[in-house]
Protein backbone atom coordinates (compact mmCIF):
# COMPACT_ATOMS: atom_id res chain seq x y z
CA MET A 1 7.67 5.74 -14.84
CA LYS A 2 7.78 5.54 -18.66
CA GLN A 3 5.85 2.24 -18.62
CA GLU A 4 3.24 3.77 -16.30
CA ASN A 5 2.81 6.80 -18.60
CA LYS A 6 2.40 4.54 -21.64
CA GLN A 7 -0.23 2.46 -19.85
CA GLN A 8 -2.09 5.63 -18.80
CA LYS A 9 -2.08 6.94 -22.38
CA LYS A 10 -3.45 3.63 -23.65
CA ARG A 11 -6.24 3.80 -21.09
CA ASN A 12 -7.15 7.37 -22.05
CA LYS A 13 -6.95 6.82 -25.83
CA ILE A 14 -10.26 5.81 -27.37
CA LEU A 15 -10.25 4.05 -30.75
CA CYS A 16 -13.16 3.09 -32.95
CA SER A 17 -13.94 -0.60 -32.50
CA ASN A 18 -14.88 -0.80 -36.19
CA CYS A 19 -12.03 1.02 -38.03
CA ASN A 20 -9.53 1.90 -35.21
CA SER A 21 -9.83 5.60 -36.00
CA GLU A 22 -8.97 8.19 -33.33
CA ASP A 23 -11.50 10.71 -34.68
CA ILE A 24 -14.03 10.00 -31.93
CA ILE A 25 -16.68 12.17 -30.30
CA LYS A 26 -19.03 11.53 -27.37
CA TRP A 27 -22.57 10.69 -28.46
CA CYS A 28 -25.17 10.69 -25.66
CA LYS A 29 -25.39 8.07 -22.91
CA ARG A 30 -27.08 4.70 -22.68
CA LYS A 31 -29.31 4.11 -19.67
CA THR A 32 -29.07 0.70 -18.00
CA GLN A 33 -31.10 -0.77 -15.17
CA ASN A 34 -28.26 -1.74 -12.80
CA ARG A 35 -25.11 -0.08 -14.20
CA GLY A 36 -26.37 3.51 -14.50
CA LEU A 37 -25.51 5.72 -17.47
CA ILE A 38 -22.88 4.42 -19.92
CA GLN A 39 -21.16 6.80 -22.33
CA ARG A 40 -21.62 6.13 -26.05
CA TYR A 41 -19.22 7.28 -28.77
CA LYS A 42 -19.44 8.02 -32.49
CA CYS A 43 -16.65 7.56 -35.02
CA LYS A 44 -16.58 10.49 -37.45
CA SER A 45 -14.63 8.41 -39.97
CA CYS A 46 -17.10 5.55 -40.45
CA ASN A 47 -20.18 6.81 -38.52
CA PHE A 48 -20.05 3.80 -36.22
CA TYR A 49 -21.62 4.03 -32.74
CA PHE A 50 -20.09 2.07 -29.87
CA THR A 51 -19.44 1.88 -26.13
CA ILE A 52 -16.09 1.03 -24.55
CA ASP A 53 -15.60 -2.56 -23.37
CA ASP A 54 -14.23 -2.09 -19.85
CA GLY A 55 -14.55 -5.80 -19.05
CA PHE A 56 -18.24 -5.55 -18.09
CA TYR A 57 -19.78 -5.10 -21.54
CA ARG A 58 -23.39 -6.34 -21.62
CA MET A 59 -23.23 -7.41 -17.97
CA ARG A 60 -26.50 -6.92 -16.09
CA ASN A 61 -24.81 -6.28 -12.75
CA ASN A 62 -22.55 -3.40 -11.80
CA PRO A 63 -18.75 -3.91 -11.56
CA THR A 64 -18.60 -3.34 -7.80
CA LYS A 65 -21.12 -6.09 -7.13
CA ILE A 66 -19.35 -8.53 -9.46
CA THR A 67 -15.87 -7.92 -8.04
CA GLN A 68 -17.24 -8.05 -4.49
CA SER A 69 -18.68 -11.50 -5.22
CA ILE A 70 -15.39 -12.77 -6.68
CA ASP A 71 -13.46 -11.48 -3.68
CA LEU A 72 -15.84 -13.12 -1.20
CA PHE A 73 -15.56 -16.43 -3.06
CA TYR A 74 -11.76 -16.52 -2.82
CA ARG A 75 -11.87 -15.48 0.83
CA GLY A 76 -13.70 -18.72 1.62
CA VAL A 77 -17.40 -17.96 1.09
CA SER A 78 -19.42 -20.44 -0.98
CA THR A 79 -21.36 -19.28 -4.03
CA ARG A 80 -24.69 -19.82 -2.25
CA LYS A 81 -23.53 -17.81 0.77
CA VAL A 82 -22.35 -15.05 -1.59
CA GLN A 83 -25.84 -15.06 -3.11
CA GLU A 84 -27.38 -14.61 0.37
CA HIS A 85 -24.97 -11.74 1.06
CA LEU A 86 -25.91 -9.99 -2.20
CA ALA A 87 -29.64 -10.33 -1.41
CA ILE A 88 -29.12 -8.26 1.76
CA PHE A 89 -27.15 -5.37 0.26
CA HIS A 90 -28.29 -5.27 -3.39
CA PRO A 91 -31.91 -4.96 -4.54
CA HIS A 92 -31.28 -6.87 -7.78
CA ASN A 93 -30.00 -10.26 -6.61
CA ALA A 94 -27.99 -12.78 -8.64
CA SER A 95 -28.10 -16.57 -8.52
CA HIS A 96 -25.29 -18.70 -7.14
CA MET A 97 -24.57 -19.91 -10.69
CA SER A 98 -24.06 -16.29 -11.78
CA VAL A 99 -21.44 -15.94 -9.05
CA TYR A 100 -19.72 -19.10 -10.25
CA ASN A 101 -19.79 -17.86 -13.86
CA TRP A 102 -18.26 -14.52 -12.80
CA VAL A 103 -15.43 -16.34 -11.02
CA VAL A 104 -14.60 -18.48 -14.06
CA LYS A 105 -15.02 -15.68 -16.62
CA TYR A 106 -12.87 -13.05 -14.92
CA ALA A 107 -10.24 -15.51 -13.75
CA LYS A 108 -9.64 -16.35 -17.42
CA ILE A 109 -9.62 -12.68 -18.48
CA ILE A 110 -7.19 -11.50 -15.80
CA SER A 111 -4.87 -14.51 -16.08
CA LYS A 112 -4.30 -13.79 -19.79
CA PHE A 113 -2.86 -10.45 -18.70
CA THR A 114 -0.99 -11.54 -15.56
CA ASN A 115 0.62 -14.59 -17.20
CA ASN A 116 2.53 -12.27 -19.56
CA LEU A 117 3.85 -9.86 -16.93
CA LYS A 118 7.62 -9.75 -16.51
CA LEU A 119 8.75 -10.38 -12.94
CA ASN A 120 11.57 -9.11 -10.73
CA VAL A 121 12.29 -12.08 -8.48
CA GLY A 122 15.13 -13.82 -6.65
CA SER A 123 17.53 -16.44 -7.98
CA GLU A 124 15.57 -19.48 -6.72
CA VAL A 125 12.25 -21.01 -7.69
CA GLN A 126 10.54 -23.87 -5.88
CA ILE A 127 8.27 -26.16 -7.90
CA ASP A 128 5.90 -28.76 -6.48
CA GLU A 129 2.39 -30.14 -6.89
CA VAL A 130 -0.74 -30.72 -4.80
CA GLU A 131 -2.92 -33.76 -5.36
CA PHE A 132 -6.68 -33.29 -5.75
CA HIS A 133 -9.45 -35.85 -6.03
CA ARG A 134 -11.97 -34.37 -8.46
CA ARG A 135 -15.43 -35.75 -9.09
CA LYS A 136 -15.92 -36.63 -12.75
CA GLY A 137 -19.26 -34.80 -12.77
CA HIS A 138 -22.66 -34.43 -11.18
CA LYS A 139 -24.65 -35.73 -14.16
CA LYS A 140 -25.96 -39.26 -14.59
CA GLY A 141 -23.29 -41.69 -15.72
CA GLN A 142 -20.41 -39.48 -14.51
CA LYS A 143 -19.77 -41.19 -11.19
CA GLY A 144 -16.26 -41.78 -9.93
CA ILE A 145 -13.20 -39.77 -8.95
CA ASP A 146 -10.29 -38.48 -11.02
CA LYS A 147 -6.91 -37.92 -9.37
CA ASN A 148 -5.59 -34.56 -10.59
CA PHE A 149 -2.67 -32.29 -9.67
CA PHE A 150 -2.20 -28.58 -9.13
CA ILE A 151 1.39 -27.88 -10.26
CA ASP A 152 2.71 -24.62 -8.86
CA SER A 153 5.91 -22.65 -8.26
CA ILE A 154 6.97 -19.87 -5.90
CA CYS A 155 9.82 -17.41 -5.43
CA PRO A 156 10.98 -17.77 -1.78
CA GLU A 157 12.22 -14.16 -1.75
CA THR A 158 9.13 -12.29 -3.00
CA LYS A 159 6.57 -15.06 -2.20
CA PHE A 160 5.19 -14.56 -5.72
CA LEU A 161 3.42 -17.55 -7.27
CA LEU A 162 5.30 -17.57 -10.59
CA SER A 163 3.29 -20.11 -12.54
CA SER A 164 0.64 -22.74 -11.92
CA GLU A 165 -1.57 -25.18 -13.79
CA TYR A 166 -4.37 -27.53 -12.75
CA ALA A 167 -3.65 -30.67 -14.75
CA LYS A 168 -5.03 -34.16 -15.12
CA THR A 169 -1.62 -35.70 -14.48
CA ARG A 170 1.88 -34.61 -13.41
CA ASN A 171 3.87 -35.93 -16.34
CA ARG A 172 6.65 -34.09 -18.17
CA ARG A 173 4.24 -32.35 -20.54
CA ASP A 174 2.22 -30.81 -17.69
CA ILE A 175 5.29 -29.80 -15.71
CA LYS A 176 6.85 -28.26 -18.83
CA VAL A 177 3.88 -25.89 -19.20
CA VAL A 178 4.59 -24.48 -15.74
CA THR A 179 8.39 -24.32 -16.09
CA GLN A 180 8.20 -22.77 -19.56
CA ARG A 181 6.07 -19.93 -18.21
CA ILE A 182 8.58 -19.40 -15.38
CA LYS A 183 11.37 -19.06 -17.94
CA GLU A 184 9.38 -16.59 -20.06
CA ARG A 185 8.44 -14.37 -17.13
CA THR A 186 11.82 -14.26 -15.37
CA ASP A 187 14.30 -14.30 -18.32
CA GLU A 188 17.74 -15.16 -16.87
CA GLN A 189 17.03 -14.45 -13.17
CA ILE A 190 16.52 -18.05 -12.02
CA LYS A 191 19.73 -19.88 -11.06
CA ILE A 192 18.35 -22.57 -8.73
CA ALA A 193 15.29 -24.75 -9.30
CA THR A 194 14.26 -26.66 -6.17
CA THR A 195 11.91 -29.63 -6.48
CA ASP A 196 11.13 -32.91 -4.76
CA GLY A 197 12.40 -36.27 -6.01
CA TRP A 198 9.80 -36.77 -8.77
CA ASN A 199 11.73 -37.99 -11.84
CA ALA A 200 9.71 -35.93 -14.35
CA TYR A 201 11.39 -32.75 -13.09
CA ILE A 202 14.92 -33.81 -14.05
CA LYS A 203 14.78 -33.69 -17.85
CA THR A 204 12.05 -31.04 -17.94
CA ILE A 205 14.02 -28.39 -16.04
CA LYS A 206 17.18 -29.09 -18.03
CA SER A 207 15.40 -28.87 -21.38
CA VAL A 208 13.48 -25.68 -20.52
CA PHE A 209 16.32 -23.66 -18.98
CA GLY A 210 18.96 -25.01 -21.39
CA TYR A 211 22.68 -25.76 -21.39
CA ASN A 212 25.52 -23.21 -21.46
CA ASN A 213 28.26 -24.42 -23.86
CA LYS A 214 30.76 -21.77 -22.77
CA LEU A 215 30.54 -22.64 -19.08
CA GLY A 216 29.99 -26.34 -19.71
CA ARG A 217 26.98 -26.62 -17.41
CA TYR A 218 23.23 -26.16 -17.30
CA ASN A 219 21.86 -22.63 -16.83
CA VAL A 220 20.16 -23.57 -13.55
CA PHE A 221 21.19 -25.83 -10.70
CA HIS A 222 18.54 -28.47 -10.06
CA ASN A 223 18.26 -28.83 -6.28
CA ARG A 224 16.36 -32.07 -5.65
CA VAL A 225 15.11 -32.32 -2.05
CA ILE A 226 14.21 -35.97 -1.37
CA VAL A 227 12.45 -36.23 1.97
CA SER A 228 12.66 -39.59 3.69
CA GLU A 229 11.04 -40.68 6.92
CA LYS A 230 14.14 -39.79 8.92
CA ASP A 231 14.90 -36.54 7.08
CA GLU A 232 13.17 -33.35 8.22
CA VAL A 233 14.24 -31.08 5.34
CA PHE A 234 11.27 -29.46 3.60
CA ASN A 235 10.78 -26.71 1.01
CA TYR A 236 9.11 -24.44 3.53
CA PRO A 237 7.97 -21.54 1.26
CA ILE A 238 6.06 -23.74 -1.18
CA GLU A 239 4.72 -25.98 1.61
CA ARG A 240 3.39 -22.82 3.28
CA LEU A 241 1.75 -21.94 -0.04
CA HIS A 242 0.15 -25.39 -0.18
CA ASN A 243 -1.33 -24.86 3.28
CA SER A 244 -3.04 -21.71 2.00
CA ILE A 245 -4.34 -23.57 -1.05
CA LYS A 246 -5.74 -26.44 1.03
CA ALA A 247 -7.37 -24.02 3.47
CA ARG A 248 -9.54 -22.69 0.62
CA THR A 249 -10.02 -25.77 -1.54
CA LYS A 250 -10.99 -28.15 1.28
CA THR A 251 -14.52 -26.70 1.16
CA PHE A 252 -14.84 -27.17 -2.62
CA ARG A 253 -17.18 -30.00 -3.51
CA GLY A 254 -14.82 -31.99 -5.64
CA PHE A 255 -14.31 -29.57 -8.56
CA HIS A 256 -17.11 -31.45 -10.32
CA GLY A 257 -17.08 -30.36 -13.93
CA SER A 258 -14.35 -30.08 -16.51
CA ILE A 259 -10.60 -29.70 -16.08
CA ASN A 260 -10.87 -26.29 -17.77
CA SER A 261 -13.29 -24.90 -15.18
CA ALA A 262 -11.20 -26.30 -12.32
CA ASN A 263 -8.10 -24.73 -13.86
CA ALA A 264 -9.91 -21.37 -14.21
CA ILE A 265 -10.92 -21.41 -10.54
CA MET A 266 -7.33 -22.11 -9.49
CA LYS A 267 -6.07 -19.38 -11.84
CA GLY A 268 -8.36 -17.03 -9.96
CA TRP A 269 -6.88 -18.21 -6.68
CA GLU A 270 -3.39 -17.52 -8.07
CA ILE A 271 -4.51 -13.95 -8.86
CA TYR A 272 -5.98 -13.60 -5.37
CA TYR A 273 -2.76 -14.81 -3.75
CA ASN A 274 -0.42 -12.61 -5.84
CA PHE A 275 -2.41 -9.40 -6.21
CA ILE A 276 -5.23 -9.20 -3.65
CA THR A 277 -4.27 -10.50 -0.22
CA LYS A 278 -1.26 -9.50 1.87
CA HIS A 279 1.37 -12.10 2.77
CA GLN A 280 2.01 -12.31 6.52
CA GLN A 281 5.80 -12.51 6.21
CA ILE A 282 6.49 -9.72 3.71
CA LYS A 283 3.62 -7.51 5.01
CA CYS A 284 2.40 -6.69 1.50
CA CYS A 285 1.03 -8.34 -1.63
CA PRO A 286 3.66 -10.38 -3.52
CA TYR A 287 3.15 -8.32 -6.71
CA GLU A 288 4.40 -5.19 -4.88
CA LEU A 289 7.87 -6.79 -4.74
CA ALA A 290 7.82 -8.73 -8.02
CA ILE A 291 6.08 -6.04 -10.14
CA PRO A 292 6.77 -2.72 -8.34
CA GLU A 293 5.74 -0.60 -11.36
CA LEU A 294 2.18 -1.99 -11.31
CA GLU A 295 -0.16 0.31 -9.40
CA LEU A 296 -3.53 -0.98 -8.20
CA GLY A 297 -6.18 0.88 -6.24
CA LYS A 298 -8.36 -0.22 -3.36
CA ASN A 299 -10.54 -2.50 -5.52
CA LYS A 300 -7.71 -4.50 -7.08
CA TRP A 301 -10.07 -6.92 -8.82
CA LEU A 302 -11.70 -4.03 -10.67
CA ASP A 303 -8.36 -2.48 -11.68
CA LEU A 304 -7.00 -5.81 -12.94
CA ILE A 305 -10.10 -6.41 -15.07
CA LYS A 306 -9.87 -2.94 -16.62
CA ILE A 307 -6.12 -3.22 -17.29
CA SER A 308 -6.67 -6.63 -18.89
CA GLN A 309 -8.88 -4.99 -21.54
CA ILE A 310 -6.10 -2.68 -22.79
């Protein structure tokens, strides 16, 4: 409750964007073509005029339309189909490239906030990777395919996707980025790290989670599940997660572009999985179990964007 009250106070407190003064007064409203009237403010300390950046500063489309487009994209609708949908219900249409730019922009903004949230999870984390074949580009001279990996992790208890990264390879450096974020977000909660037989996991997990000198053992037990042709043991929670990922990404046209844009799109999918859509087994969004103090309204995309600006 205390954290919620602090967040609410931060949202209600208005500071001058020039001198950070609290001596602020309302100063008329600015009329926009598609976003209606926007409140302007004046700082009595430095006479600076400004509007609040709620995540949609200088955007030509209203927040509802933008968040609706992002939600449709992650529910399986292509950017061109989203454009056709907007043309029916909104008089001022946007191009399919605008939809793509919204997805990349707000995935980066929200992920900066969500990556730093502390989590209340179980004692086990499962880490694995999905292989993707990404086109090098659609421009002349950029023919060919790059083999990339989406490295991810999940808590089997809360079904929360703890950390993920779309990387060019799956070496120790890339895996360490994911495991380091798990450690930062969960503190000392993780006791078991379950992976497949890939050798890069062995030293990475031990170095990230550390060694306990008093107990004479590592802080986490590394459970390596090596699946052979005769063995039928699988890491079911993370394999179920991979099925959801493949169901959406199979319609992507090769992630043509940079690694950064591909990573941003997958960061957006991580947000969609954790905060937007309900998990069939737990009957709620994973964040409701892992971050119970976080309250989101009906339009969760909009709330996450606004909170990310605090």
